[in-house]
Amino acid sequence: MPRARLFLQRHQIDPHRTVKCRLSHGTRITPVSLSDGGRGIIEGREPIDATDGLITSHPGLFLYLITADCLPVLVVDPVQRVVGIAHAGWRGTAADIAGKLIRQMQMAYHVDPAHIHVLIGPAICSQCYEVGQDVRDVFQQQFAFDPKLIFSSKLNGKFDLDLIRANRLQLQAAGVPAAQIFETGICTKEYSDRYYSVRAEGLETGRFASVIGFTA
């Protein structure tokens, strides 16, 4: 049995009611419904293609995302009973995928950002995420805030990038209260014995899953 189905079985989640996307490091957010159940999970059911975020208002439908250093951003509105999930690597973060996830939920399901709660799952921390001037230049062009808020200069000419703080800023700008944004505090590189990390283990390492949905 594929690992995804074993994971879901262990957590008593129906794979036929679970939807996975094929990541592209972009900012496309796709609303999904019960007819999408099993995509990317059940053999013969292709994942939602070229998509880095999923949203749904259907109870019993679960959103499934894999990462290994990039941020899994899990979002829930308990009032409207809407959930969303997004993959926020540096490219998606520079292009405000977290903010777009919130705004897409507003447009599709009329959620109030003040009701939204967010969990930022295990991801690489700023002390472990060294990037070059090319990445900083992209943020300088696209990021809505002062890059100094998320970059720390290093003696080797590189920078440490705080993706978690960047996404926090974007979520707050989209209307999510700061007190309703939570973090696991787990760095995937520092704990690569428990969580996969591209920076620690290379591109061929595995990926771990984040799942969100209402059971009923």
C-alpha atoms as a PDB file:
ATOM      1  CA  MET A   1       0.000   0.000   0.000  1.00  0.00           C
ATOM      2  CA  PRO A   2       1.384   3.480  -0.904  1.00  0.00           C
ATOM      3  CA  ARG A   3       2.677   5.529   2.022  1.00  0.00           C
ATOM      4  CA  ALA A   4      -0.015   8.176   1.598  1.00  0.00           C
ATOM      5  CA  ARG A   5      -2.765   5.624   2.081  1.00  0.00           C
ATOM      6  CA  LEU A   6      -0.997   4.059   5.061  1.00  0.00           C
ATOM      7  CA  PHE A   7      -0.723   7.508   6.649  1.00  0.00           C
ATOM      8  CA  LEU A   8      -4.407   8.205   6.088  1.00  0.00           C
ATOM      9  CA  GLN A   9      -5.448   4.780   7.303  1.00  0.00           C
ATOM     10  CA  ARG A  10      -3.483   5.282  10.517  1.00  0.00           C
ATOM     11  CA  HIS A  11      -5.392   8.499  11.146  1.00  0.00           C
ATOM     12  CA  GLN A  12      -8.750   7.020  10.089  1.00  0.00           C
ATOM     13  CA  ILE A  13      -9.096   9.320   7.071  1.00  0.00           C
ATOM     14  CA  ASP A  14     -10.827   7.966   3.974  1.00  0.00           C
ATOM     15  CA  PRO A  15      -8.389   8.137   1.015  1.00  0.00           C
ATOM     16  CA  HIS A  16     -11.384   8.420  -1.332  1.00  0.00           C
ATOM     17  CA  ARG A  17     -12.227  11.688   0.428  1.00  0.00           C
ATOM     18  CA  THR A  18      -8.711  13.116   0.333  1.00  0.00           C
ATOM     19  CA  VAL A  19      -7.253  15.452  -2.308  1.00  0.00           C
ATOM     20  CA  LYS A  20      -3.590  15.996  -3.109  1.00  0.00           C
ATOM     21  CA  CYS A  21      -2.023  18.614  -5.370  1.00  0.00           C
ATOM     22  CA  ARG A  22       1.071  18.463  -7.579  1.00  0.00           C
ATOM     23  CA  LEU A  23       3.246  21.388  -6.476  1.00  0.00           C
ATOM     24  CA  SER A  24       4.744  23.910  -8.889  1.00  0.00           C
ATOM     25  CA  HIS A  25       6.249  26.526  -6.515  1.00  0.00           C
ATOM     26  CA  GLY A  26       3.652  28.975  -7.769  1.00  0.00           C
ATOM     27  CA  THR A  27       0.633  30.634  -6.150  1.00  0.00           C
ATOM     28  CA  ARG A  28      -2.320  28.865  -7.730  1.00  0.00           C
ATOM     29  CA  ILE A  29      -5.066  28.108  -5.184  1.00  0.00           C
ATOM     30  CA  THR A  30      -7.736  25.599  -6.266  1.00  0.00           C
ATOM     31  CA  PRO A  31     -11.177  25.099  -4.671  1.00  0.00           C
ATOM     32  CA  VAL A  32     -12.043  21.392  -4.498  1.00  0.00           C
ATOM     33  CA  SER A  33     -15.248  19.421  -3.911  1.00  0.00           C
ATOM     34  CA  LEU A  34     -16.282  15.857  -3.159  1.00  0.00           C
ATOM     35  CA  SER A  35     -15.919  14.958  -6.840  1.00  0.00           C
ATOM     36  CA  ASP A  36     -12.161  15.525  -6.427  1.00  0.00           C
ATOM     37  CA  GLY A  37     -11.912  12.936  -3.652  1.00  0.00           C
ATOM     38  CA  GLY A  38      -9.064  10.475  -4.150  1.00  0.00           C
ATOM     39  CA  ARG A  39      -7.098  12.647  -6.561  1.00  0.00           C
ATOM     40  CA  GLY A  40      -3.393  12.071  -6.062  1.00  0.00           C
ATOM     41  CA  ILE A  41      -4.141   9.337  -3.522  1.00  0.00           C
ATOM     42  CA  ILE A  42      -6.083   6.589  -5.304  1.00  0.00           C
ATOM     43  CA  GLU A  43      -4.440   4.784  -8.214  1.00  0.00           C
ATOM     44  CA  GLY A  44      -5.611   6.212 -11.509  1.00  0.00           C
ATOM     45  CA  ARG A  45      -6.731   9.507  -9.948  1.00  0.00           C
ATOM     46  CA  GLU A  46      -4.277  12.237 -10.890  1.00  0.00           C
ATOM     47  CA  PRO A  47      -3.528  14.993  -8.347  1.00  0.00           C
ATOM     48  CA  ILE A  48      -4.677  18.562  -8.894  1.00  0.00           C
ATOM     49  CA  ASP A  49      -1.944  19.728 -11.263  1.00  0.00           C
ATOM     50  CA  ALA A  50       0.325  22.780 -10.929  1.00  0.00           C
ATOM     51  CA  THR A  51      -1.282  23.871  -7.681  1.00  0.00           C
ATOM     52  CA  ASP A  52       0.282  24.983  -4.400  1.00  0.00           C
ATOM     53  CA  GLY A  53      -2.888  25.528  -2.413  1.00  0.00           C
ATOM     54  CA  LEU A  54      -6.269  23.872  -1.924  1.00  0.00           C
ATOM     55  CA  ILE A  55      -9.465  25.120  -0.260  1.00  0.00           C
ATOM     56  CA  THR A  56     -12.814  23.491   0.458  1.00  0.00           C
ATOM     57  CA  SER A  57     -16.057  23.953   2.336  1.00  0.00           C
ATOM     58  CA  HIS A  58     -17.084  20.292   2.132  1.00  0.00           C
ATOM     59  CA  PRO A  59     -17.159  18.448   5.471  1.00  0.00           C
ATOM     60  CA  GLY A  60     -15.479  15.069   5.295  1.00  0.00           C
ATOM     61  CA  LEU A  61     -13.125  16.162   2.495  1.00  0.00           C
ATOM     62  CA  PHE A  62      -9.447  16.347   3.482  1.00  0.00           C
ATOM     63  CA  LEU A  63      -6.663  18.374   1.874  1.00  0.00           C
ATOM     64  CA  TYR A  64      -3.259  16.681   1.621  1.00  0.00           C
ATOM     65  CA  LEU A  65       0.100  18.399   1.069  1.00  0.00           C
ATOM     66  CA  ILE A  66       3.712  17.192   1.146  1.00  0.00           C
ATOM     67  CA  THR A  67       6.756  19.289   2.080  1.00  0.00           C
ATOM     68  CA  ALA A  68      10.389  18.996   3.182  1.00  0.00           C
ATOM     69  CA  ASP A  69      11.643  22.403   4.479  1.00  0.00           C
ATOM     70  CA  CYS A  70       9.028  24.612   2.806  1.00  0.00           C
ATOM     71  CA  LEU A  71       6.159  25.815   4.992  1.00  0.00           C
ATOM     72  CA  PRO A  72       2.894  23.894   5.158  1.00  0.00           C
ATOM     73  CA  VAL A  73       0.296  26.572   5.960  1.00  0.00           C
ATOM     74  CA  LEU A  74      -2.934  25.082   7.338  1.00  0.00           C
ATOM     75  CA  VAL A  75      -5.955  27.366   7.631  1.00  0.00           C
ATOM     76  CA  VAL A  76      -9.380  26.888   9.198  1.00  0.00           C
ATOM     77  CA  ASP A  77     -12.451  29.080   9.608  1.00  0.00           C
ATOM     78  CA  PRO A  78     -14.497  27.323  12.324  1.00  0.00           C
ATOM     79  CA  VAL A  79     -17.463  29.648  11.752  1.00  0.00           C
ATOM     80  CA  GLN A  80     -18.023  28.984   8.047  1.00  0.00           C
ATOM     81  CA  ARG A  81     -16.344  25.564   8.360  1.00  0.00           C
ATOM     82  CA  VAL A  82     -13.890  26.170   5.560  1.00  0.00           C
ATOM     83  CA  VAL A  83     -10.344  24.827   5.396  1.00  0.00           C
ATOM     84  CA  GLY A  84      -7.313  25.571   3.254  1.00  0.00           C
ATOM     85  CA  ILE A  85      -3.738  24.442   2.880  1.00  0.00           C
ATOM     86  CA  ALA A  86      -0.762  25.941   1.045  1.00  0.00           C
ATOM     87  CA  HIS A  87       2.859  25.163   0.233  1.00  0.00           C
ATOM     88  CA  ALA A  88       5.015  28.229   0.902  1.00  0.00           C
ATOM     89  CA  GLY A  89       8.565  27.905  -0.355  1.00  0.00           C
ATOM     90  CA  TRP A  90      10.639  31.012  -0.996  1.00  0.00           C
ATOM     91  CA  ARG A  91       9.133  31.598  -4.444  1.00  0.00           C
ATOM     92  CA  GLY A  92       5.566  31.244  -3.233  1.00  0.00           C
ATOM     93  CA  THR A  93       6.289  33.371  -0.180  1.00  0.00           C
ATOM     94  CA  ALA A  94       7.806  36.161  -2.272  1.00  0.00           C
ATOM     95  CA  ALA A  95       4.603  36.116  -4.346  1.00  0.00           C
ATOM     96  CA  ASP A  96       2.323  36.149  -1.238  1.00  0.00           C
ATOM     97  CA  ILE A  97       0.769  32.702  -1.448  1.00  0.00           C
ATOM     98  CA  ALA A  98      -0.398  32.872   2.192  1.00  0.00           C
ATOM     99  CA  GLY A  99      -2.226  36.138   1.591  1.00  0.00           C
ATOM    100  CA  LYS A 100      -3.709  34.785  -1.632  1.00  0.00           C
ATOM    101  CA  LEU A 101      -4.951  31.709   0.211  1.00  0.00           C
ATOM    102  CA  ILE A 102      -6.890  33.891   2.648  1.00  0.00           C
ATOM    103  CA  ARG A 103      -8.288  36.138  -0.090  1.00  0.00           C
ATOM    104  CA  GLN A 104      -9.322  33.131  -2.188  1.00  0.00           C
ATOM    105  CA  MET A 105     -11.207  31.739   0.805  1.00  0.00           C
ATOM    106  CA  GLN A 106     -12.930  35.109   1.161  1.00  0.00           C
ATOM    107  CA  MET A 107     -13.953  35.198  -2.491  1.00  0.00           C
ATOM    108  CA  ALA A 108     -15.029  31.571  -2.762  1.00  0.00           C
ATOM    109  CA  TYR A 109     -16.667  31.060   0.615  1.00  0.00           C
ATOM    110  CA  HIS A 110     -17.175  34.542   2.105  1.00  0.00           C
ATOM    111  CA  VAL A 111     -15.056  33.841   5.175  1.00  0.00           C
ATOM    112  CA  ASP A 112     -14.129  36.607   7.598  1.00  0.00           C
ATOM    113  CA  PRO A 113     -10.321  36.649   8.111  1.00  0.00           C
ATOM    114  CA  ALA A 114     -10.928  37.653  11.734  1.00  0.00           C
ATOM    115  CA  HIS A 115     -12.337  34.152  12.310  1.00  0.00           C
ATOM    116  CA  ILE A 116      -9.442  32.324  10.690  1.00  0.00           C
ATOM    117  CA  HIS A 117      -6.898  30.271  12.618  1.00  0.00           C
ATOM    118  CA  VAL A 118      -3.603  29.261  11.026  1.00  0.00           C
ATOM    119  CA  LEU A 119      -0.997  26.634  11.841  1.00  0.00           C
ATOM    120  CA  ILE A 120       2.433  26.882  10.227  1.00  0.00           C
ATOM    121  CA  GLY A 121       3.737  23.323  10.311  1.00  0.00           C
ATOM    122  CA  PRO A 122       7.289  21.995  10.600  1.00  0.00           C
ATOM    123  CA  ALA A 123       9.592  23.946   8.287  1.00  0.00           C
ATOM    124  CA  ILE A 124      13.149  25.145   8.034  1.00  0.00           C
ATOM    125  CA  CYS A 125      14.007  27.877  10.545  1.00  0.00           C
ATOM    126  CA  SER A 126      15.746  31.147   9.727  1.00  0.00           C
ATOM    127  CA  GLN A 127      19.052  30.059  11.305  1.00  0.00           C
ATOM    128  CA  CYS A 128      19.206  27.085   8.933  1.00  0.00           C
ATOM    129  CA  TYR A 129      17.970  28.720   5.735  1.00  0.00           C
ATOM    130  CA  GLU A 130      20.879  30.401   3.989  1.00  0.00           C
ATOM    131  CA  VAL A 131      20.187  32.002   0.595  1.00  0.00           C
ATOM    132  CA  GLY A 132      22.044  34.152  -1.897  1.00  0.00           C
ATOM    133  CA  GLN A 133      21.625  37.659  -3.269  1.00  0.00           C
ATOM    134  CA  ASP A 134      19.472  36.310  -6.106  1.00  0.00           C
ATOM    135  CA  VAL A 135      16.749  35.265  -3.677  1.00  0.00           C
ATOM    136  CA  ARG A 136      16.964  38.549  -1.809  1.00  0.00           C
ATOM    137  CA  ASP A 137      16.602  40.410  -5.110  1.00  0.00           C
ATOM    138  CA  VAL A 138      13.344  38.580  -5.850  1.00  0.00           C
ATOM    139  CA  PHE A 139      11.947  39.590  -2.463  1.00  0.00           C
ATOM    140  CA  GLN A 140      13.140  43.148  -3.013  1.00  0.00           C
ATOM    141  CA  GLN A 141      11.027  43.252  -6.191  1.00  0.00           C
ATOM    142  CA  GLN A 142       7.944  41.331  -5.033  1.00  0.00           C
ATOM    143  CA  PHE A 143       7.671  41.319  -1.241  1.00  0.00           C
ATOM    144  CA  ALA A 144       5.260  43.939   0.131  1.00  0.00           C
ATOM    145  CA  PHE A 145       7.327  44.547   3.264  1.00  0.00           C
ATOM    146  CA  ASP A 146      10.860  45.749   3.952  1.00  0.00           C
ATOM    147  CA  PRO A 147      13.152  42.762   3.237  1.00  0.00           C
ATOM    148  CA  LYS A 148      15.198  43.763   6.284  1.00  0.00           C
ATOM    149  CA  LEU A 149      12.365  42.330   8.377  1.00  0.00           C
ATOM    150  CA  ILE A 150      13.060  38.801   7.148  1.00  0.00           C
ATOM    151  CA  PHE A 151      16.709  38.752   5.993  1.00  0.00           C
ATOM    152  CA  SER A 152      19.827  38.698   8.190  1.00  0.00           C
ATOM    153  CA  SER A 153      23.194  39.402   6.556  1.00  0.00           C
ATOM    154  CA  LYS A 154      26.083  36.980   7.058  1.00  0.00           C
ATOM    155  CA  LEU A 155      29.858  37.472   6.888  1.00  0.00           C
ATOM    156  CA  ASN A 156      30.101  35.160   3.850  1.00  0.00           C
ATOM    157  CA  GLY A 157      27.917  37.472   1.763  1.00  0.00           C
ATOM    158  CA  LYS A 158      24.885  35.217   2.108  1.00  0.00           C
ATOM    159  CA  PHE A 159      21.653  35.840   4.027  1.00  0.00           C
ATOM    160  CA  ASP A 160      19.474  33.939   6.479  1.00  0.00           C
ATOM    161  CA  LEU A 161      15.832  34.059   5.357  1.00  0.00           C
ATOM    162  CA  ASP A 162      12.967  33.859   7.860  1.00  0.00           C
ATOM    163  CA  LEU A 163      10.142  32.324   5.811  1.00  0.00           C
ATOM    164  CA  ILE A 164       7.961  31.876   8.867  1.00  0.00           C
ATOM    165  CA  ARG A 165       8.029  35.563   9.756  1.00  0.00           C
ATOM    166  CA  ALA A 166       7.433  36.492   6.109  1.00  0.00           C
ATOM    167  CA  ASN A 167       4.282  34.384   5.997  1.00  0.00           C
ATOM    168  CA  ARG A 168       3.133  35.736   9.356  1.00  0.00           C
ATOM    169  CA  LEU A 169       3.388  39.272   7.984  1.00  0.00           C
ATOM    170  CA  GLN A 170       1.370  38.317   4.905  1.00  0.00           C
ATOM    171  CA  LEU A 171      -1.310  36.499   6.896  1.00  0.00           C
ATOM    172  CA  GLN A 172      -1.721  39.492   9.205  1.00  0.00           C
ATOM    173  CA  ALA A 173      -1.878  41.850   6.222  1.00  0.00           C
ATOM    174  CA  ALA A 174      -4.701  39.666   4.865  1.00  0.00           C
ATOM    175  CA  GLY A 175      -6.633  40.213   8.105  1.00  0.00           C
ATOM    176  CA  VAL A 176      -5.767  37.181  10.235  1.00  0.00           C
ATOM    177  CA  PRO A 177      -5.222  38.236  13.887  1.00  0.00           C
ATOM    178  CA  ALA A 178      -1.644  37.673  15.060  1.00  0.00           C
ATOM    179  CA  ALA A 179      -2.911  35.768  18.114  1.00  0.00           C
ATOM    180  CA  GLN A 180      -4.573  33.233  15.790  1.00  0.00           C
ATOM    181  CA  ILE A 181      -1.394  32.314  13.899  1.00  0.00           C
ATOM    182  CA  PHE A 182       0.417  29.375  15.481  1.00  0.00           C
ATOM    183  CA  GLU A 183       3.719  27.615  14.775  1.00  0.00           C
ATOM    184  CA  THR A 184       4.984  24.170  15.670  1.00  0.00           C
ATOM    185  CA  GLY A 185       8.455  25.567  16.359  1.00  0.00           C
ATOM    186  CA  ILE A 186       9.992  22.508  14.684  1.00  0.00           C
ATOM    187  CA  CYS A 187      12.863  23.053  12.230  1.00  0.00           C
ATOM    188  CA  THR A 188      12.940  20.327   9.599  1.00  0.00           C
ATOM    189  CA  LYS A 189      16.702  20.627   9.083  1.00  0.00           C
ATOM    190  CA  GLU A 190      17.506  20.435  12.792  1.00  0.00           C
ATOM    191  CA  TYR A 191      15.140  17.481  13.190  1.00  0.00           C
ATOM    192  CA  SER A 192      15.789  15.726   9.891  1.00  0.00           C
ATOM    193  CA  ASP A 193      15.801  12.435  11.791  1.00  0.00           C
ATOM    194  CA  ARG A 194      12.035  12.925  12.250  1.00  0.00           C
ATOM    195  CA  TYR A 195      11.110  15.231   9.351  1.00  0.00           C
ATOM    196  CA  TYR A 196      12.479  15.196   5.823  1.00  0.00           C
ATOM    197  CA  SER A 197      14.757  18.101   4.881  1.00  0.00           C
ATOM    198  CA  VAL A 198      16.067  18.944   1.424  1.00  0.00           C
ATOM    199  CA  ARG A 199      18.734  21.196   2.929  1.00  0.00           C
ATOM    200  CA  ALA A 200      19.974  18.427   5.217  1.00  0.00           C
ATOM    201  CA  GLU A 201      19.503  15.397   2.954  1.00  0.00           C
ATOM    202  CA  GLY A 202      19.309  16.593  -0.653  1.00  0.00           C
ATOM    203  CA  LEU A 203      16.556  16.711  -3.264  1.00  0.00           C
ATOM    204  CA  GLU A 204      16.103  12.928  -3.306  1.00  0.00           C
ATOM    205  CA  THR A 205      14.929  12.813   0.299  1.00  0.00           C
ATOM    206  CA  GLY A 206      11.314  11.982   1.108  1.00  0.00           C
ATOM    207  CA  ARG A 207       8.439  14.308   1.911  1.00  0.00           C
ATOM    208  CA  PHE A 208       6.134  14.400   4.917  1.00  0.00           C
ATOM    209  CA  ALA A 209       2.425  15.067   4.833  1.00  0.00           C
ATOM    210  CA  SER A 210       0.155  17.712   6.320  1.00  0.00           C
ATOM    211  CA  VAL A 211      -3.607  17.096   6.217  1.00  0.00           C
ATOM    212  CA  ILE A 212      -6.583  19.252   7.163  1.00  0.00           C
ATOM    213  CA  GLY A 213     -10.353  18.817   7.014  1.00  0.00           C
ATOM    214  CA  PHE A 214     -13.558  18.623   9.030  1.00  0.00           C
ATOM    215  CA  THR A 215     -14.577  15.079   9.935  1.00  0.00           C
ATOM    216  CA  ALA A 216     -18.278  15.880   9.593  1.00  0.00           C
END
